[in-house]
Amino acid sequence: MTSKQETLVEVRNLKKHFVVKKGLFGRKATFLKAVDNVSFSIQKGETLGLVGESGCGKTTAGRTILKLYEPTAGEILFAGAPLQNLTHKELLPYRKKMQMIFQDPYASLDPRMTVGEIIGDPLDVHKMYEGQDRTDRIKELIELVGLKQDHINRYPHEFSGGQRQRIGIARALAVEPEFIVCDEPISALDVSIQAQVVNMLEELQEKFGLTYLFISHDLSMVRHISHKVGVMYLGNLVEIADAHELYTNMQHPYTKALLSALPIPDPDLAEKSERIHLQGDVPSPLNPPPGCAFQTRCAYAVQACRETKPQLKDMGNGHQVACHIVH
C-alpha cells in the first residue's frame, strides 16, 4: 500500500435495481434490489475484499462500478472524476484504466480466438500497439503471468482452468490498468491452483501499483489478500473495516456468523470455537423486509430493526457497522 493515502475509487449511495416485471395497466413495476445504497472507497494500491453469501450483490456491485451495468442511482468516482453519467464514448478512456478478471475462465475466453488474439484484442480496441510492438507486448504479458511464448497460437480449450485464468489476467493487464475488479477469480479453480493465482495477483499489485476490488466467498483468501474488507448482505453493506480489525473485532451479528464458519486448523481450538447457526432463509431481494435486511435471521433484533434501516456508523479507526444494537 502507498504511504500517502489517495482515493482511487469511490462509490456513494450506489444502487442497482433490475426490473423483473414491468408495471402495465397502472400496476406497480417489480424491482430486484441487487445493490441498495452502498458506499465505500478504495485507496490507490490497496485491495478491498468484498464478501457475503451467494446472491448478496457482490458481483453486481463490481460490474456496476465498471459501468458494465448502468447504475440505478448513486455516484461512481474514479480519481475524483464522476463516471455515472458518461456516454459510451466518454467512458472509453476510463475503460483502459479499469479492467475485470471474470469468475469463469471457461466462459470468459472466446473459444474461436487464439491466446495471442485474446490478449491482443484490448490493445486493438484502445489503439495502443501496432506491428512488432504489439507482438512484443503480447509475449511480455504471456511471460508475466507465467505462461510460455509458444502458447500464443493455441486455443483456450488446450489449457487447464488455472492457465485459462492466467490468460484472463494477461488480457486485463494488457492496457496497463490502474484498477481491477477481481470477480471470484479463484472459485472455479482447483484448490492447489488457487494460492498460485492469488500470490501472482499480489506480486502484480506490488510491481505495478494496482488497486483491486477482490470479490469472493472464500473468507480465508480474502483475509490473506485484502487490506480492507466489506461484508454485504442482501444488497447492503453491513460492515467494513481494516482486514485485521474485521477478523479480530467483528461487530455485526451477520459478520460474526459468517466468520464463525471459517475452518480452524488447530483441532483443540476448533473444538472450543462456537459455530453460529443462522435460522431461516435469506429473504427475497424482490421483497426485502422493512428496516434491517438481516432482522429476519438475527437473534438480537429489536423493534427498531424492524422499522428503520440502519446506516453505517463509524466505530473508530475507520471501522463502520450498520446495526442498531452495536454502540
Protein backbone atom coordinates (compact mmCIF):
# COMPACT_ATOMS: atom_id res chain seq x y z
CA MET A 1 0.00 0.00 0.00
CA THR A 2 1.18 3.51 -0.71
CA SER A 3 2.26 5.60 2.27
CA LYS A 4 0.21 8.57 1.16
CA GLN A 5 -3.48 7.69 1.15
CA GLU A 6 -5.01 8.68 -2.17
CA THR A 7 -8.55 7.59 -3.01
CA LEU A 8 -8.72 5.99 -6.44
CA VAL A 9 -12.26 4.55 -6.49
CA GLU A 10 -15.23 5.82 -4.51
CA VAL A 11 -18.89 4.86 -4.65
CA ARG A 12 -21.57 6.88 -2.92
CA ASN A 13 -25.08 5.55 -2.28
CA LEU A 14 -24.78 3.17 -5.22
CA LYS A 15 -27.97 1.38 -6.27
CA LYS A 16 -28.62 -1.19 -8.97
CA HIS A 17 -32.23 -2.33 -9.31
CA PHE A 18 -33.29 -4.72 -12.07
CA VAL A 19 -36.81 -4.53 -13.46
CA VAL A 20 -38.30 -8.02 -13.07
CA LYS A 21 -41.88 -7.23 -14.02
CA LYS A 22 -42.96 -4.10 -15.87
CA GLY A 23 -45.87 -2.11 -14.50
CA LEU A 24 -48.67 -2.44 -17.06
CA PHE A 25 -52.21 -1.04 -16.84
CA GLY A 26 -51.42 1.08 -13.80
CA ARG A 27 -49.75 -1.73 -11.82
CA LYS A 28 -46.51 -1.06 -9.97
CA ALA A 29 -43.33 -2.44 -11.51
CA THR A 30 -41.42 -5.11 -9.58
CA PHE A 31 -37.73 -4.47 -8.91
CA LEU A 32 -34.92 -6.72 -7.73
CA LYS A 33 -32.73 -4.60 -5.46
CA ALA A 34 -29.37 -6.24 -6.16
CA VAL A 35 -27.33 -3.33 -4.76
CA ASP A 36 -29.13 -0.95 -2.43
CA ASN A 37 -27.41 2.22 -1.23
CA VAL A 38 -23.80 1.01 -0.94
CA SER A 39 -20.93 3.41 -0.19
CA PHE A 40 -17.18 2.75 0.15
CA SER A 41 -13.81 3.95 -1.11
CA ILE A 42 -10.61 2.17 -2.18
CA GLN A 43 -7.22 3.80 -1.75
CA LYS A 44 -4.64 3.66 -4.50
CA GLY A 45 -2.54 0.49 -4.31
CA GLU A 46 -4.77 -1.34 -1.84
CA THR A 47 -7.19 -4.28 -2.05
CA LEU A 48 -10.75 -4.11 -0.77
CA GLY A 49 -12.23 -7.55 -0.24
CA LEU A 50 -15.99 -7.89 -0.66
CA VAL A 51 -17.59 -10.93 0.98
CA GLY A 52 -21.05 -12.32 1.64
CA GLU A 53 -23.37 -15.20 0.77
CA SER A 54 -24.19 -16.01 -2.84
CA GLY A 55 -26.75 -13.56 -4.22
CA CYS A 56 -25.85 -10.73 -1.82
CA GLY A 57 -24.92 -8.36 -4.66
CA LYS A 58 -21.10 -8.54 -4.64
CA THR A 59 -20.67 -9.22 -8.35
CA THR A 60 -23.41 -6.76 -9.33
CA ALA A 61 -21.62 -4.06 -7.32
CA GLY A 62 -18.34 -4.77 -9.14
CA ARG A 63 -19.95 -4.76 -12.58
CA THR A 64 -21.89 -1.55 -11.81
CA ILE A 65 -18.71 0.25 -10.70
CA LEU A 66 -17.17 -0.63 -14.10
CA LYS A 67 -20.38 0.52 -15.85
CA LEU A 68 -20.99 -2.94 -17.29
CA TYR A 69 -24.37 -2.36 -15.65
CA GLU A 70 -25.89 1.10 -15.64
CA PRO A 71 -26.36 2.28 -12.04
CA THR A 72 -29.93 2.99 -10.93
CA ALA A 73 -28.75 5.76 -8.60
CA GLY A 74 -25.67 6.98 -6.78
CA GLU A 75 -22.19 8.19 -7.73
CA ILE A 76 -19.11 6.37 -9.05
CA LEU A 77 -15.86 8.34 -8.83
CA PHE A 78 -12.55 7.31 -10.38
CA ALA A 79 -9.63 9.51 -9.23
CA GLY A 80 -12.26 12.13 -8.37
CA ALA A 81 -13.97 12.05 -11.80
CA PRO A 82 -17.68 11.07 -11.81
CA LEU A 83 -18.46 8.21 -14.21
CA GLN A 84 -22.16 7.50 -13.66
CA ASN A 85 -23.49 9.84 -16.40
CA LEU A 86 -20.78 9.40 -19.04
CA THR A 87 -21.69 8.20 -22.54
CA HIS A 88 -20.03 5.12 -24.05
CA LYS A 89 -17.60 7.33 -25.97
CA GLU A 90 -16.75 9.48 -22.92
CA LEU A 91 -16.20 6.34 -20.86
CA LEU A 92 -13.69 4.78 -23.28
CA PRO A 93 -10.54 6.38 -21.74
CA TYR A 94 -11.63 5.06 -18.33
CA ARG A 95 -12.19 1.56 -19.72
CA LYS A 96 -8.43 1.41 -20.20
CA LYS A 97 -7.85 2.30 -16.55
CA MET A 98 -10.42 -0.11 -15.13
CA GLN A 99 -10.47 -3.79 -16.03
CA MET A 100 -12.08 -7.01 -14.81
CA ILE A 101 -10.97 -10.59 -14.17
CA PHE A 102 -14.02 -12.81 -14.55
CA GLN A 103 -15.05 -15.72 -12.36
CA ASP A 104 -15.30 -18.43 -15.01
CA PRO A 105 -12.13 -18.85 -17.12
CA TYR A 106 -14.06 -21.27 -19.37
CA ALA A 107 -16.82 -18.82 -20.31
CA SER A 108 -14.83 -15.57 -20.39
CA LEU A 109 -12.47 -16.56 -23.25
CA ASP A 110 -13.66 -16.78 -26.85
CA PRO A 111 -13.00 -20.40 -27.97
CA ARG A 112 -12.57 -19.25 -31.60
CA MET A 113 -9.65 -16.94 -30.79
CA THR A 114 -6.04 -17.88 -30.09
CA VAL A 115 -4.37 -16.73 -26.87
CA GLY A 116 -2.48 -14.07 -28.83
CA GLU A 117 -5.73 -12.74 -30.32
CA ILE A 118 -7.47 -12.73 -26.93
CA ILE A 119 -4.68 -10.76 -25.23
CA GLY A 120 -4.15 -8.51 -28.26
CA ASP A 121 -7.83 -7.59 -28.62
CA PRO A 122 -7.82 -4.84 -25.91
CA LEU A 123 -4.66 -3.39 -27.48
CA ASP A 124 -6.51 -3.05 -30.79
CA VAL A 125 -9.62 -1.53 -29.19
CA HIS A 126 -7.55 1.17 -27.47
CA LYS A 127 -5.09 1.53 -30.40
CA MET A 128 -2.10 1.11 -28.08
CA TYR A 129 0.41 -1.02 -30.01
CA GLU A 130 0.96 -1.92 -33.66
CA GLY A 131 3.15 -4.32 -35.64
CA GLN A 132 6.16 -5.73 -33.86
CA ASP A 133 5.50 -3.65 -30.73
CA ARG A 134 2.10 -5.36 -30.43
CA THR A 135 3.68 -8.82 -30.80
CA ASP A 136 6.36 -7.98 -28.22
CA ARG A 137 3.73 -6.69 -25.79
CA ILE A 138 1.71 -9.92 -26.08
CA LYS A 139 4.85 -12.00 -25.46
CA GLU A 140 5.70 -9.84 -22.45
CA LEU A 141 2.22 -10.34 -20.98
CA ILE A 142 2.30 -14.09 -21.60
CA GLU A 143 5.55 -14.41 -19.64
CA LEU A 144 4.30 -12.01 -16.94
CA VAL A 145 1.52 -14.42 -15.96
CA GLY A 146 3.75 -17.50 -16.02
CA LEU A 147 2.90 -18.93 -19.44
CA LYS A 148 5.23 -19.71 -22.36
CA GLN A 149 5.60 -17.86 -25.66
CA ASP A 150 4.67 -20.95 -27.66
CA HIS A 151 1.21 -20.76 -26.05
CA ILE A 152 0.37 -17.68 -28.15
CA ASN A 153 -1.03 -19.64 -31.11
CA ARG A 154 -3.02 -22.15 -29.06
CA TYR A 155 -6.76 -22.03 -28.28
CA PRO A 156 -8.39 -21.82 -24.81
CA HIS A 157 -9.61 -25.45 -24.84
CA GLU A 158 -5.96 -26.61 -24.89
CA PHE A 159 -5.35 -25.19 -21.39
CA SER A 160 -6.22 -26.11 -17.81
CA GLY A 161 -8.53 -23.92 -15.71
CA GLY A 162 -5.60 -22.26 -13.93
CA GLN A 163 -3.85 -21.49 -17.22
CA ARG A 164 -7.05 -20.04 -18.68
CA GLN A 165 -7.40 -17.73 -15.70
CA ARG A 166 -3.81 -16.60 -16.26
CA ILE A 167 -4.78 -15.76 -19.85
CA GLY A 168 -7.71 -13.75 -18.49
CA ILE A 169 -5.37 -11.89 -16.14
CA ALA A 170 -2.95 -11.16 -19.02
CA ARG A 171 -5.88 -9.74 -21.03
CA ALA A 172 -6.87 -7.50 -18.10
CA LEU A 173 -3.26 -6.27 -17.74
CA ALA A 174 -2.78 -5.62 -21.46
CA VAL A 175 -3.95 -1.98 -21.43
CA GLU A 176 -1.96 -1.12 -18.26
CA PRO A 177 -4.94 -0.53 -15.93
CA GLU A 178 -4.85 1.10 -12.51
CA PHE A 179 -7.90 -0.66 -11.05
CA ILE A 180 -9.03 -4.27 -11.48
CA VAL A 181 -12.24 -5.88 -10.28
CA CYS A 182 -11.40 -9.50 -9.45
CA ASP A 183 -14.79 -11.25 -9.55
CA GLU A 184 -14.28 -14.52 -7.65
CA PRO A 185 -11.17 -15.19 -9.76
CA ILE A 186 -10.26 -18.42 -7.93
CA SER A 187 -13.65 -20.01 -7.16
CA ALA A 188 -13.71 -22.11 -10.37
CA LEU A 189 -10.13 -23.32 -9.90
CA ASP A 190 -8.66 -26.40 -8.23
CA VAL A 191 -7.64 -25.72 -4.61
CA SER A 192 -3.98 -26.45 -5.43
CA ILE A 193 -4.01 -23.69 -8.08
CA GLN A 194 -5.90 -21.05 -6.07
CA ALA A 195 -2.94 -19.99 -3.92
CA GLN A 196 -0.70 -19.68 -7.03
CA VAL A 197 -3.17 -17.29 -8.70
CA VAL A 198 -3.64 -15.19 -5.54
CA ASN A 199 0.13 -14.95 -4.98
CA MET A 200 0.54 -13.84 -8.60
CA LEU A 201 -2.12 -11.14 -8.14
CA GLU A 202 -0.24 -9.87 -5.08
CA GLU A 203 3.07 -9.80 -6.99
CA LEU A 204 1.46 -7.92 -9.89
CA GLN A 205 -0.07 -5.44 -7.45
CA GLU A 206 3.31 -4.74 -5.89
CA LYS A 207 5.05 -4.48 -9.27
CA PHE A 208 2.54 -2.18 -10.99
CA GLY A 209 0.88 -0.43 -8.05
CA LEU A 210 -2.51 -1.95 -8.91
CA THR A 211 -5.70 -1.38 -6.94
CA TYR A 212 -8.10 -4.32 -6.52
CA LEU A 213 -11.71 -4.93 -5.62
CA PHE A 214 -11.47 -8.62 -4.70
CA ILE A 215 -14.90 -10.28 -4.67
CA SER A 216 -15.04 -13.72 -3.07
CA HIS A 217 -16.89 -16.03 -0.70
CA ASP A 218 -13.58 -17.59 0.40
CA LEU A 219 -13.11 -15.78 3.72
CA SER A 220 -9.61 -17.16 4.35
CA MET A 221 -8.31 -15.99 0.97
CA VAL A 222 -9.95 -12.58 1.38
CA ARG A 223 -8.19 -12.15 4.72
CA HIS A 224 -4.87 -13.09 3.08
CA ILE A 225 -5.04 -10.67 0.14
CA SER A 226 -7.11 -7.71 1.41
CA HIS A 227 -6.16 -4.52 3.19
CA LYS A 228 -9.81 -3.72 3.93
CA VAL A 229 -12.88 -5.98 3.94
CA GLY A 230 -16.53 -5.14 3.34
CA VAL A 231 -19.38 -7.52 4.23
CA MET A 232 -22.55 -7.47 2.11
CA TYR A 233 -25.97 -8.87 2.94
CA LEU A 234 -28.99 -8.70 0.61
CA GLY A 235 -27.61 -5.77 -1.40
CA ASN A 236 -26.47 -3.81 1.67
CA LEU A 237 -23.03 -3.18 3.10
CA VAL A 238 -23.36 -4.14 6.79
CA GLU A 239 -19.74 -3.79 7.95
CA ILE A 240 -16.41 -2.53 6.59
CA ALA A 241 -13.03 -2.26 8.29
CA ASP A 242 -9.32 -2.91 8.08
CA ALA A 243 -8.87 -6.65 7.40
CA HIS A 244 -7.15 -7.44 10.72
CA GLU A 245 -9.67 -5.34 12.64
CA LEU A 246 -12.65 -7.02 10.99
CA TYR A 247 -11.42 -10.57 11.54
CA THR A 248 -10.43 -9.97 15.19
CA ASN A 249 -13.13 -7.50 16.27
CA MET A 250 -16.21 -8.18 14.13
CA GLN A 251 -19.28 -6.26 15.33
CA HIS A 252 -22.27 -7.05 13.12
CA PRO A 253 -24.20 -10.26 14.00
CA TYR A 254 -24.07 -11.37 10.36
CA THR A 255 -20.29 -10.89 10.17
CA LYS A 256 -19.89 -12.93 13.37
CA ALA A 257 -21.97 -15.75 11.91
CA LEU A 258 -20.10 -15.63 8.61
CA LEU A 259 -16.65 -15.73 10.21
CA SER A 260 -17.64 -18.43 12.70
CA ALA A 261 -17.85 -20.79 9.70
CA LEU A 262 -14.11 -20.37 8.98
CA PRO A 263 -12.23 -23.66 9.44
CA ILE A 264 -9.67 -23.61 12.27
CA PRO A 265 -6.54 -25.74 11.65
CA ASP A 266 -5.90 -26.38 15.38
CA PRO A 267 -8.22 -29.25 16.50
CA ASP A 268 -8.24 -28.08 20.14
CA LEU A 269 -9.19 -24.52 19.22
CA ALA A 270 -11.72 -25.77 16.67
CA GLU A 271 -13.44 -27.86 19.37
CA LYS A 272 -13.71 -24.84 21.69
CA SER A 273 -14.93 -22.43 19.00
CA GLU A 274 -18.65 -21.92 18.65
CA ARG A 275 -20.28 -22.08 15.22
CA ILE A 276 -23.15 -19.61 14.87
CA HIS A 277 -26.05 -21.22 13.02
CA LEU A 278 -28.40 -18.71 11.41
CA GLN A 279 -32.06 -19.67 11.45
CA GLY A 280 -34.30 -19.19 8.42
CA ASP A 281 -33.57 -18.36 4.81
CA VAL A 282 -32.25 -15.22 3.16
CA PRO A 283 -35.29 -13.05 2.29
CA SER A 284 -36.08 -12.45 -1.37
CA PRO A 285 -34.43 -9.32 -2.84
CA LEU A 286 -37.76 -8.87 -4.69
CA ASN A 287 -39.47 -8.34 -1.35
CA PRO A 288 -36.90 -7.41 1.32
CA PRO A 289 -38.18 -6.91 4.88
CA PRO A 290 -38.69 -3.37 6.20
CA GLY A 291 -35.96 -1.94 8.40
CA CYS A 292 -32.78 -4.02 8.65
CA ALA A 293 -32.45 -6.65 5.91
CA PHE A 294 -30.92 -9.10 8.42
CA GLN A 295 -33.63 -8.78 11.09
CA THR A 296 -35.49 -11.95 9.98
CA ARG A 297 -32.43 -14.10 10.84
CA CYS A 298 -30.92 -12.09 13.70
CA ALA A 299 -31.19 -13.42 17.27
CA TYR A 300 -30.67 -9.91 18.67
CA ALA A 301 -33.27 -8.00 16.61
CA VAL A 302 -35.25 -5.32 18.46
CA GLN A 303 -38.23 -3.26 17.37
CA ALA A 304 -36.03 -0.57 15.79
CA CYS A 305 -34.53 -3.24 13.50
CA ARG A 306 -38.00 -3.97 12.11
CA GLU A 307 -38.85 -0.33 11.49
CA THR A 308 -35.74 1.61 10.43
CA LYS A 309 -32.94 0.64 8.06
CA PRO A 310 -29.62 1.11 9.94
CA GLN A 311 -26.94 3.29 8.35
CA LEU A 312 -23.19 2.71 8.52
CA LYS A 313 -21.73 4.41 11.59
CA ASP A 314 -18.06 4.85 12.45
CA MET A 315 -16.92 2.82 15.47
CA GLY A 316 -13.41 4.31 15.30
CA ASN A 317 -10.34 3.61 13.15
CA GLY A 318 -12.49 3.51 10.03
CA HIS A 319 -14.50 0.52 11.33
CA GLN A 320 -18.06 1.07 10.13
CA VAL A 321 -21.10 -1.00 11.11
CA ALA A 322 -24.76 -0.78 10.05
CA CYS A 323 -26.57 -2.15 13.12
CA HIS A 324 -28.98 -0.69 15.69
CA ILE A 325 -27.69 -2.85 18.56
CA VAL A 326 -23.98 -2.07 18.09
CA HIS A 327 -22.81 1.01 20.00
